[in-house]
C-alpha cells in the first residue's frame, strides 16, 4: 500500500520546484551581494544565508503538506473555521502591531524576521473557496445560497489588504478567486449575475473614494510605462534600469555574478527585479529556464485539476496553479514594462521567507492532490475493471 502511494507521487513537480528554488537561491546571492554591503553594511552573503534557512524550513513544510491527505482540509469545524478566523485576525493585527515597509503596513517584525500575513492569506482563500464551492456543487447555481456567502470572506480579506495599502496583493487574491469561481461549475447565467453584482458593489466605492483610490505614486507607475527614460531620474528610475539590465544581457548574458545594474543602479535587485539580473547575467537562456519551469508547474497543476474527480481537489489544484501563474505574470510584466510595477515577488526565485514558505505549503498540497489522482486512476480503476470482468481461481481474468 505504502509503495503504491509513493509510486503515485508526481516527482516531475517536485523536481521543477527544487530546480527553481535552488536556482533562485544562487541568483539571490548574486543579486544581493552589493545591496547587502552598500545599504545594510553586512556581509555580502547576508540575504543568501537567510534565504537558505527559509529554503530548508520550506522543504520540511513541503514534505508534511505532501504527506498529509489534502481531504482533511474540507472539514469546516476543525479546519476551515479556524483558518478563516486566524487569517482575518492576522490582517487586522497589522493595524496595531504591523511594521511599515515599502509604504505599506503589511509586515510583522519579530527580531530580525519579517512575516507578511497576506502571502498566507492567498492560500487560505484558495482552500476556503475550493472547500465551500465543492460542498455546494448540488446547488452551485443558486445565487443567494450557493454563490454569495463564500464571497463575504473574500471581500473582507481584500478590503483589509487594500487598507494597508497593498493593491497588488488584493488584485492577485481577487484574480485567484475569479479563477476558482469560473472553475466551480457555475453556469454562464450565474456568473453573469455575479459580474453585475460585483460592478454594482464597486461603483459606490469608486464614487466615495474618487481620487483617493490610487495615490499619486501609483498613478506615476502607470504613466511611466509609456517612456520610462523620460523620467529616468525620478518615476521611471526602476523600469529604465530594468530595461538597461535586460539589454545588457542580450542572448548569452554577461556571466553569473557580473551584472552591472545590481551595483546600486537597480533597486530591489534581489526581490522584485531579480529577473532583470537573471537576464543581464545569464541572457535569454536564464530567462527561458525560469519561464519554462514556471509554465510547467502551472500547466501541470491545471492538468491535475482537470483529471481530479474530487471537486475539492480539482479546485485546489486549479487555484494553486493560477496563483503561481498570476504572480509570475504580474512580476514579469512589471519588470518588462508590460504592466505597471506592483512589487510582487517572482515565485520560487525572489528573496522572501513568507513567499517561500507559502509556496512550499501550496506545492505540497498540489503534489498531494496529484498523488491521489494518480493512485485512484491507476489502482482503483484497475480493481474495478477486474471486478467487472471477473477473476478466475488462478488469478486469470474471465471475460463475461
Protein backbone atom coordinates (compact mmCIF):
# COMPACT_ATOMS: atom_id res chain seq x y z
CA UNK A 1 0.00 0.00 0.00
CA UNK A 2 2.72 2.47 1.01
CA UNK A 3 4.82 1.57 -2.05
CA UNK A 4 1.82 2.11 -4.30
CA UNK A 5 1.19 5.55 -2.81
CA UNK A 6 4.88 6.55 -3.07
CA UNK A 7 4.92 5.47 -6.71
CA UNK A 8 1.91 7.70 -7.31
CA UNK A 9 3.69 10.96 -6.37
CA UNK A 10 4.30 13.40 -9.22
CA UNK A 11 8.08 13.69 -8.98
CA UNK A 12 8.29 15.97 -12.02
CA UNK A 13 6.53 18.69 -9.99
CA UNK A 14 8.94 18.13 -7.10
CA UNK A 15 11.97 18.33 -9.42
CA UNK A 16 10.68 21.51 -11.08
CA UNK A 17 10.13 23.15 -7.68
CA UNK A 18 13.57 22.13 -6.38
CA UNK A 19 15.30 23.34 -9.55
CA UNK A 20 13.59 26.72 -9.35
CA UNK A 21 14.28 27.11 -5.62
CA UNK A 22 17.96 26.14 -5.98
CA UNK A 23 18.38 28.45 -8.97
CA UNK A 24 16.61 31.21 -7.03
CA UNK A 25 19.00 30.73 -4.09
CA UNK A 26 22.01 31.17 -6.40
CA UNK A 27 20.51 34.27 -8.01
CA UNK A 28 19.57 35.80 -4.64
CA UNK A 29 23.22 35.53 -3.66
CA UNK A 30 24.39 37.06 -6.93
CA UNK A 31 21.78 39.85 -6.96
CA UNK A 32 22.09 40.84 -3.29
CA UNK A 33 25.87 40.89 -2.72
CA UNK A 34 26.38 44.59 -3.41
CA UNK A 35 22.99 45.56 -1.97
CA UNK A 36 23.75 43.90 1.39
CA UNK A 37 27.08 45.69 1.75
CA UNK A 38 26.02 49.11 0.41
CA UNK A 39 22.67 49.51 2.15
CA UNK A 40 22.81 47.35 5.27
CA UNK A 41 26.59 47.22 5.83
CA UNK A 42 26.51 43.47 6.42
CA UNK A 43 28.27 40.50 4.85
CA UNK A 44 27.74 40.02 1.12
CA UNK A 45 26.07 36.64 1.75
CA UNK A 46 23.57 38.03 4.31
CA UNK A 47 20.45 37.56 2.18
CA UNK A 48 21.74 34.28 0.76
CA UNK A 49 22.17 32.78 4.25
CA UNK A 50 18.69 33.86 5.32
CA UNK A 51 17.11 32.56 2.13
CA UNK A 52 18.94 29.25 2.62
CA UNK A 53 17.46 28.87 6.10
CA UNK A 54 13.96 29.62 4.80
CA UNK A 55 14.52 27.16 1.97
CA UNK A 56 15.41 24.34 4.39
CA UNK A 57 12.36 25.11 6.55
CA UNK A 58 10.22 25.22 3.41
CA UNK A 59 11.47 21.81 2.32
CA UNK A 60 10.40 20.32 5.66
CA UNK A 61 6.96 22.00 5.42
CA UNK A 62 6.58 20.82 1.82
CA UNK A 63 7.16 17.20 2.84
CA UNK A 64 4.50 17.43 5.57
CA UNK A 65 1.97 19.07 3.19
CA UNK A 66 2.69 16.41 0.55
CA UNK A 67 2.17 13.53 3.00
CA UNK A 68 -0.93 14.67 4.93
CA UNK A 69 -4.09 13.91 2.86
CA UNK A 70 -5.50 17.13 1.44
CA UNK A 71 -9.08 15.97 2.06
CA UNK A 72 -8.87 16.71 5.80
CA UNK A 73 -8.88 20.43 4.96
CA UNK A 74 -12.52 20.44 3.89
CA UNK A 75 -13.86 19.74 7.38
CA UNK A 76 -15.47 23.05 8.36
CA UNK A 77 -15.49 22.69 12.14
CA UNK A 78 -11.89 21.51 12.60
CA UNK A 79 -10.01 23.25 9.81
CA UNK A 80 -11.87 25.82 7.71
CA UNK A 81 -13.41 27.87 10.54
CA UNK A 82 -10.10 28.35 12.44
CA UNK A 83 -8.36 29.07 9.12
CA UNK A 84 -10.81 31.85 8.25
CA UNK A 85 -10.72 33.40 11.73
CA UNK A 86 -6.91 33.34 12.01
CA UNK A 87 -6.41 34.79 8.53
CA UNK A 88 -8.71 37.74 9.26
CA UNK A 89 -7.17 38.33 12.69
CA UNK A 90 -3.66 38.29 11.19
CA UNK A 91 -4.64 41.09 8.80
CA UNK A 92 -6.48 43.13 11.45
CA UNK A 93 -3.49 42.81 13.80
CA UNK A 94 -1.28 44.62 11.30
CA UNK A 95 -3.04 47.91 12.10
CA UNK A 96 -1.98 47.55 15.73
CA UNK A 97 1.30 45.65 15.64
CA UNK A 98 2.36 45.86 12.00
CA UNK A 99 5.61 47.20 10.61
CA UNK A 100 5.67 49.67 7.70
CA UNK A 101 7.81 48.59 4.73
CA UNK A 102 7.52 49.83 1.16
CA UNK A 103 4.90 52.45 2.20
CA UNK A 104 2.53 49.68 3.35
CA UNK A 105 1.76 48.34 6.82
CA UNK A 106 1.99 44.74 5.63
CA UNK A 107 4.54 43.07 7.89
CA UNK A 108 5.01 41.64 11.36
CA UNK A 109 8.55 42.01 12.62
CA UNK A 110 9.88 39.64 15.28
CA UNK A 111 13.52 40.48 15.87
CA UNK A 112 15.34 40.16 12.55
CA UNK A 113 12.46 38.20 10.98
CA UNK A 114 9.63 39.71 8.95
CA UNK A 115 6.43 37.88 8.06
CA UNK A 116 3.81 39.05 5.58
CA UNK A 117 0.43 37.51 6.50
CA UNK A 118 -1.11 38.44 3.13
CA UNK A 119 1.08 35.77 1.50
CA UNK A 120 -0.53 33.06 3.62
CA UNK A 121 -3.99 34.59 3.17
CA UNK A 122 -3.70 33.85 -0.57
CA UNK A 123 -3.55 30.15 0.25
CA UNK A 124 -6.31 30.47 2.86
CA UNK A 125 -8.63 31.96 0.21
CA UNK A 126 -7.82 29.11 -2.19
CA UNK A 127 -8.52 26.43 0.44
CA UNK A 128 -11.70 28.08 1.73
CA UNK A 129 -13.31 28.83 -1.64
CA UNK A 130 -12.34 25.40 -3.01
CA UNK A 131 -13.85 23.59 0.00
CA UNK A 132 -17.05 25.63 0.14
CA UNK A 133 -17.82 25.60 -3.60
CA UNK A 134 -17.02 21.88 -3.74
CA UNK A 135 -19.54 21.32 -0.94
CA UNK A 136 -22.16 23.42 -2.73
CA UNK A 137 -21.99 21.52 -6.04
CA UNK A 138 -25.59 20.34 -5.80
CA UNK A 139 -26.87 23.94 -5.66
CA UNK A 140 -23.92 25.88 -7.11
CA UNK A 141 -26.23 27.96 -9.33
CA UNK A 142 -28.43 29.23 -6.52
CA UNK A 143 -27.14 32.78 -6.33
CA UNK A 144 -28.19 33.68 -2.78
CA UNK A 145 -27.23 30.41 -1.07
CA UNK A 146 -24.64 28.83 -3.35
CA UNK A 147 -22.61 31.77 -4.70
CA UNK A 148 -22.68 34.81 -2.41
CA UNK A 149 -21.96 33.51 1.15
CA UNK A 150 -18.32 32.43 0.48
CA UNK A 151 -17.59 35.79 -1.15
CA UNK A 152 -18.15 37.65 2.13
CA UNK A 153 -14.81 36.27 3.35
CA UNK A 154 -13.14 37.29 0.09
CA UNK A 155 -14.49 40.87 0.34
CA UNK A 156 -13.33 41.24 3.97
CA UNK A 157 -9.84 39.95 3.16
CA UNK A 158 -9.38 42.16 0.09
CA UNK A 159 -10.68 45.24 1.95
CA UNK A 160 -8.19 44.71 4.80
CA UNK A 161 -5.29 44.28 2.37
CA UNK A 162 -6.28 47.37 0.35
CA UNK A 163 -6.37 49.33 3.63
CA UNK A 164 -2.63 48.59 4.25
CA UNK A 165 -2.44 49.70 1.31
CA UNK A 166 -1.40 46.78 -0.92
CA UNK A 167 -3.43 46.86 -4.12
CA UNK A 168 -1.16 44.35 -5.89
CA UNK A 169 -1.78 41.52 -3.42
CA UNK A 170 -5.51 42.32 -3.23
CA UNK A 171 -5.73 42.17 -7.04
CA UNK A 172 -3.90 38.80 -7.09
CA UNK A 173 -6.28 37.34 -4.49
CA UNK A 174 -9.30 38.62 -6.44
CA UNK A 175 -7.96 37.08 -9.67
CA UNK A 176 -7.26 33.75 -7.96
CA UNK A 177 -10.79 33.76 -6.54
CA UNK A 178 -12.14 34.54 -10.00
CA UNK A 179 -10.32 31.51 -11.42
CA UNK A 180 -11.79 29.22 -8.75
CA UNK A 181 -15.28 30.64 -9.32
CA UNK A 182 -15.05 30.11 -13.09
CA UNK A 183 -13.88 26.52 -12.49
CA UNK A 184 -16.50 25.74 -9.82
CA UNK A 185 -19.20 24.59 -12.24
CA UNK A 186 -21.40 27.69 -12.24
CA UNK A 187 -23.30 28.27 -15.46
CA UNK A 188 -22.98 31.42 -17.55
CA UNK A 189 -26.22 32.88 -16.18
CA UNK A 190 -24.97 32.65 -12.59
CA UNK A 191 -21.56 34.10 -13.49
CA UNK A 192 -23.25 36.99 -15.32
CA UNK A 193 -25.27 37.74 -12.18
CA UNK A 194 -22.04 37.66 -10.17
CA UNK A 195 -20.30 40.11 -12.53
CA UNK A 196 -23.28 42.50 -12.36
CA UNK A 197 -23.32 42.21 -8.57
CA UNK A 198 -19.59 42.98 -8.43
CA UNK A 199 -19.99 46.08 -10.60
CA UNK A 200 -22.91 47.35 -8.53
CA UNK A 201 -20.89 46.80 -5.36
CA UNK A 202 -17.76 48.53 -6.68
CA UNK A 203 -19.38 51.62 -8.25
CA UNK A 204 -20.40 53.23 -4.90
CA UNK A 205 -16.89 52.51 -3.59
CA UNK A 206 -15.31 54.22 -6.59
CA UNK A 207 -17.62 57.23 -6.15
CA UNK A 208 -16.79 57.59 -2.44
CA UNK A 209 -13.05 57.13 -2.95
CA UNK A 210 -12.90 59.34 -6.08
CA UNK A 211 -9.26 60.33 -6.48
CA UNK A 212 -8.15 58.55 -3.30
CA UNK A 213 -8.29 55.05 -4.75
CA UNK A 214 -4.90 55.42 -6.41
CA UNK A 215 -2.16 57.55 -4.88
CA UNK A 216 -0.02 59.89 -6.99
CA UNK A 217 2.84 57.40 -6.73
CA UNK A 218 0.66 54.62 -8.12
CA UNK A 219 -0.55 56.88 -10.93
CA UNK A 220 3.09 57.62 -11.79
CA UNK A 221 3.77 53.87 -12.08
CA UNK A 222 1.03 53.64 -14.71
CA UNK A 223 2.12 56.74 -16.62
CA UNK A 224 5.81 55.79 -16.66
CA UNK A 225 5.24 52.69 -18.82
CA UNK A 226 4.99 54.83 -21.96
CA UNK A 227 8.55 56.20 -21.70
CA UNK A 228 10.49 55.36 -18.50
CA UNK A 229 13.66 57.08 -19.80
CA UNK A 230 11.86 60.45 -19.92
CA UNK A 231 11.77 60.38 -16.11
CA UNK A 232 14.73 58.05 -15.55
CA UNK A 233 15.93 60.05 -12.53
CA UNK A 234 12.55 60.03 -10.85
CA UNK A 235 9.42 57.92 -11.51
CA UNK A 236 10.98 55.92 -14.35
CA UNK A 237 14.14 55.00 -12.41
CA UNK A 238 13.16 51.39 -11.65
CA UNK A 239 11.87 50.50 -15.09
CA UNK A 240 14.63 52.32 -17.01
CA UNK A 241 17.34 50.41 -15.14
CA UNK A 242 15.43 47.18 -15.64
CA UNK A 243 15.46 47.81 -19.40
CA UNK A 244 19.19 48.53 -19.30
CA UNK A 245 19.86 45.29 -17.41
CA UNK A 246 17.80 43.24 -19.88
CA UNK A 247 19.51 44.95 -22.83
CA UNK A 248 22.97 44.38 -21.39
CA UNK A 249 22.36 40.64 -21.10
CA UNK A 250 21.41 40.01 -24.71
CA UNK A 251 21.30 36.35 -25.71
CA UNK A 252 24.15 34.85 -23.67
CA UNK A 253 24.43 37.31 -20.75
CA UNK A 254 27.47 38.90 -19.12
CA UNK A 255 28.14 35.86 -16.94
CA UNK A 256 26.99 34.76 -13.48
CA UNK A 257 27.81 37.42 -10.88
CA UNK A 258 28.80 40.03 -13.48
CA UNK A 259 25.68 42.21 -13.50
CA UNK A 260 26.41 45.93 -13.52
CA UNK A 261 22.88 47.16 -12.70
CA UNK A 262 22.79 45.34 -9.36
CA UNK A 263 25.67 47.54 -8.12
CA UNK A 264 23.31 50.23 -6.81
CA UNK A 265 21.53 51.10 -10.06
CA UNK A 266 18.67 48.60 -9.96
CA UNK A 267 16.53 48.90 -6.79
CA UNK A 268 15.25 45.71 -5.16
CA UNK A 269 17.55 43.65 -7.38
CA UNK A 270 17.10 40.52 -5.23
CA UNK A 271 13.29 40.74 -4.90
CA UNK A 272 11.03 42.46 -7.45
CA UNK A 273 13.69 42.87 -10.16
CA UNK A 274 15.60 39.63 -9.79
CA UNK A 275 14.55 38.59 -13.30
CA UNK A 276 16.30 41.67 -14.73
CA UNK A 277 19.52 40.50 -13.04
CA UNK A 278 18.99 36.98 -14.43
CA UNK A 279 18.56 38.47 -17.91
CA UNK A 280 21.71 40.57 -17.55
CA UNK A 281 23.90 37.76 -16.21
CA UNK A 282 22.55 34.68 -17.99
CA UNK A 283 20.82 36.19 -21.00
CA UNK A 284 17.79 34.75 -22.71
CA UNK A 285 18.76 31.20 -21.67
CA UNK A 286 18.48 32.02 -17.97
CA UNK A 287 15.13 33.74 -18.52
CA UNK A 288 13.85 30.80 -20.59
CA UNK A 289 14.94 28.33 -17.89
CA UNK A 290 12.79 30.08 -15.28
CA UNK A 291 9.78 30.68 -17.51
CA UNK A 292 9.70 27.09 -18.84
CA UNK A 293 9.79 25.59 -15.32
CA UNK A 294 7.14 28.00 -14.03
CA UNK A 295 4.95 27.29 -17.06
CA UNK A 296 5.36 23.55 -16.50
CA UNK A 297 4.22 23.82 -12.86
CA UNK A 298 1.21 25.94 -13.82
CA UNK A 299 0.12 23.77 -16.76
CA UNK A 300 0.77 20.55 -14.87
CA UNK A 301 -1.31 21.86 -11.96
CA UNK A 302 -4.22 22.72 -14.27
CA UNK A 303 -3.99 19.26 -15.83
CA UNK A 304 -4.11 17.67 -12.37
CA UNK A 305 -7.18 19.75 -11.55
CA UNK A 306 -8.93 18.63 -14.73
CA UNK A 307 -8.10 14.97 -14.05
CA UNK A 308 -9.18 15.02 -10.40
CA UNK A 309 -12.65 13.53 -9.81
CA UNK A 310 -12.96 15.15 -6.37
CA UNK A 311 -14.35 18.73 -6.78
CA UNK A 312 -12.36 19.95 -3.76
CA UNK A 313 -9.06 18.56 -5.06
CA UNK A 314 -9.79 19.85 -8.56
CA UNK A 315 -10.46 23.42 -7.37
CA UNK A 316 -7.42 23.30 -5.06
CA UNK A 317 -5.11 22.32 -7.91
CA UNK A 318 -6.52 24.96 -10.26
CA UNK A 319 -6.41 27.65 -7.54
CA UNK A 320 -2.77 26.94 -6.62
CA UNK A 321 -1.74 26.81 -10.29
CA UNK A 322 -3.50 30.09 -11.01
CA UNK A 323 -1.80 31.74 -8.02
CA UNK A 324 1.67 30.81 -9.29
CA UNK A 325 0.76 31.77 -12.85
CA UNK A 326 -0.80 35.12 -11.94
CA UNK A 327 2.10 36.11 -9.67
CA UNK A 328 4.63 35.15 -12.33
CA UNK A 329 2.79 37.13 -14.99
CA UNK A 330 2.50 40.25 -12.82
CA UNK A 331 6.17 40.15 -11.80
CA UNK A 332 7.48 39.53 -15.32
CA UNK A 333 5.03 42.04 -16.76
CA UNK A 334 6.24 44.72 -14.34
CA UNK A 335 9.94 44.04 -14.97
CA UNK A 336 9.43 44.19 -18.74
CA UNK A 337 7.15 47.26 -18.65
CA UNK A 338 4.14 45.36 -19.98
CA UNK A 339 2.05 46.29 -16.92
CA UNK A 340 2.62 48.75 -14.01
CA UNK A 341 5.01 47.75 -11.23
CA UNK A 342 3.25 46.28 -8.20
CA UNK A 343 6.04 44.88 -6.02
CA UNK A 344 5.02 41.23 -6.47
CA UNK A 345 7.83 38.66 -5.96
CA UNK A 346 8.66 36.07 -8.61
CA UNK A 347 7.61 32.63 -7.25
CA UNK A 348 10.50 30.44 -6.01
CA UNK A 349 13.11 32.92 -7.30
CA UNK A 350 12.76 36.23 -5.43
CA UNK A 351 14.13 36.69 -1.91
CA UNK A 352 11.45 36.41 0.76
CA UNK A 353 10.73 33.94 3.53
CA UNK A 354 6.94 34.46 3.65
CA UNK A 355 6.57 33.81 -0.07
CA UNK A 356 8.81 30.74 0.02
CA UNK A 357 7.01 29.18 3.00
CA UNK A 358 3.59 29.77 1.44
CA UNK A 359 4.71 28.27 -1.88
CA UNK A 360 6.10 25.22 -0.06
CA UNK A 361 2.71 24.53 1.53
CA UNK A 362 0.90 25.18 -1.77
CA UNK A 363 3.20 22.88 -3.75
CA UNK A 364 2.91 20.19 -1.08
CA UNK A 365 -0.88 20.30 -1.41
CA UNK A 366 -0.65 20.23 -5.22
CA UNK A 367 1.65 17.20 -5.14
CA UNK A 368 -0.71 15.54 -2.65
CA UNK A 369 -3.71 16.09 -4.94
CA UNK A 370 -1.67 14.73 -7.86
CA UNK A 371 -0.77 11.65 -5.82
CA UNK A 372 -4.42 10.87 -5.07
CA UNK A 373 -5.38 11.39 -8.73
CA UNK A 374 -2.68 9.00 -9.98
CA UNK A 375 -3.31 6.46 -7.22
CA UNK A 376 -7.06 6.34 -7.79
CA UNK A 377 -6.68 6.27 -11.55
CA UNK A 378 -4.02 3.55 -11.63
CA UNK A 379 -5.09 1.20 -8.85
CA UNK A 380 -8.79 1.76 -8.17
CA UNK A 381 -9.71 1.76 -11.87
CA UNK A 382 -7.77 -1.49 -12.35
CA UNK A 383 -9.55 -3.03 -9.38
CA UNK A 384 -12.96 -2.01 -10.67
CA UNK A 385 -12.11 -3.40 -14.09
CA UNK A 386 -11.19 -6.77 -12.59
CA UNK A 387 -14.40 -6.86 -10.59
CA UNK A 388 -16.47 -6.10 -13.68
CA UNK A 389 -14.73 -8.74 -15.80
CA UNK A 390 -14.50 -11.40 -13.09
CA UNK A 391 -11.33 -13.18 -11.91
CA UNK A 392 -10.74 -16.95 -12.12
CA UNK A 393 -9.37 -19.11 -9.33
CA UNK A 394 -5.82 -18.97 -10.70
CA UNK A 395 -5.93 -15.18 -10.98
CA UNK A 396 -6.77 -15.19 -14.68
CA UNK A 397 -9.36 -12.75 -15.86
CA UNK A 398 -12.50 -14.44 -17.13
CA UNK A 399 -14.38 -12.21 -19.54
CA UNK A 400 -18.16 -12.43 -19.42
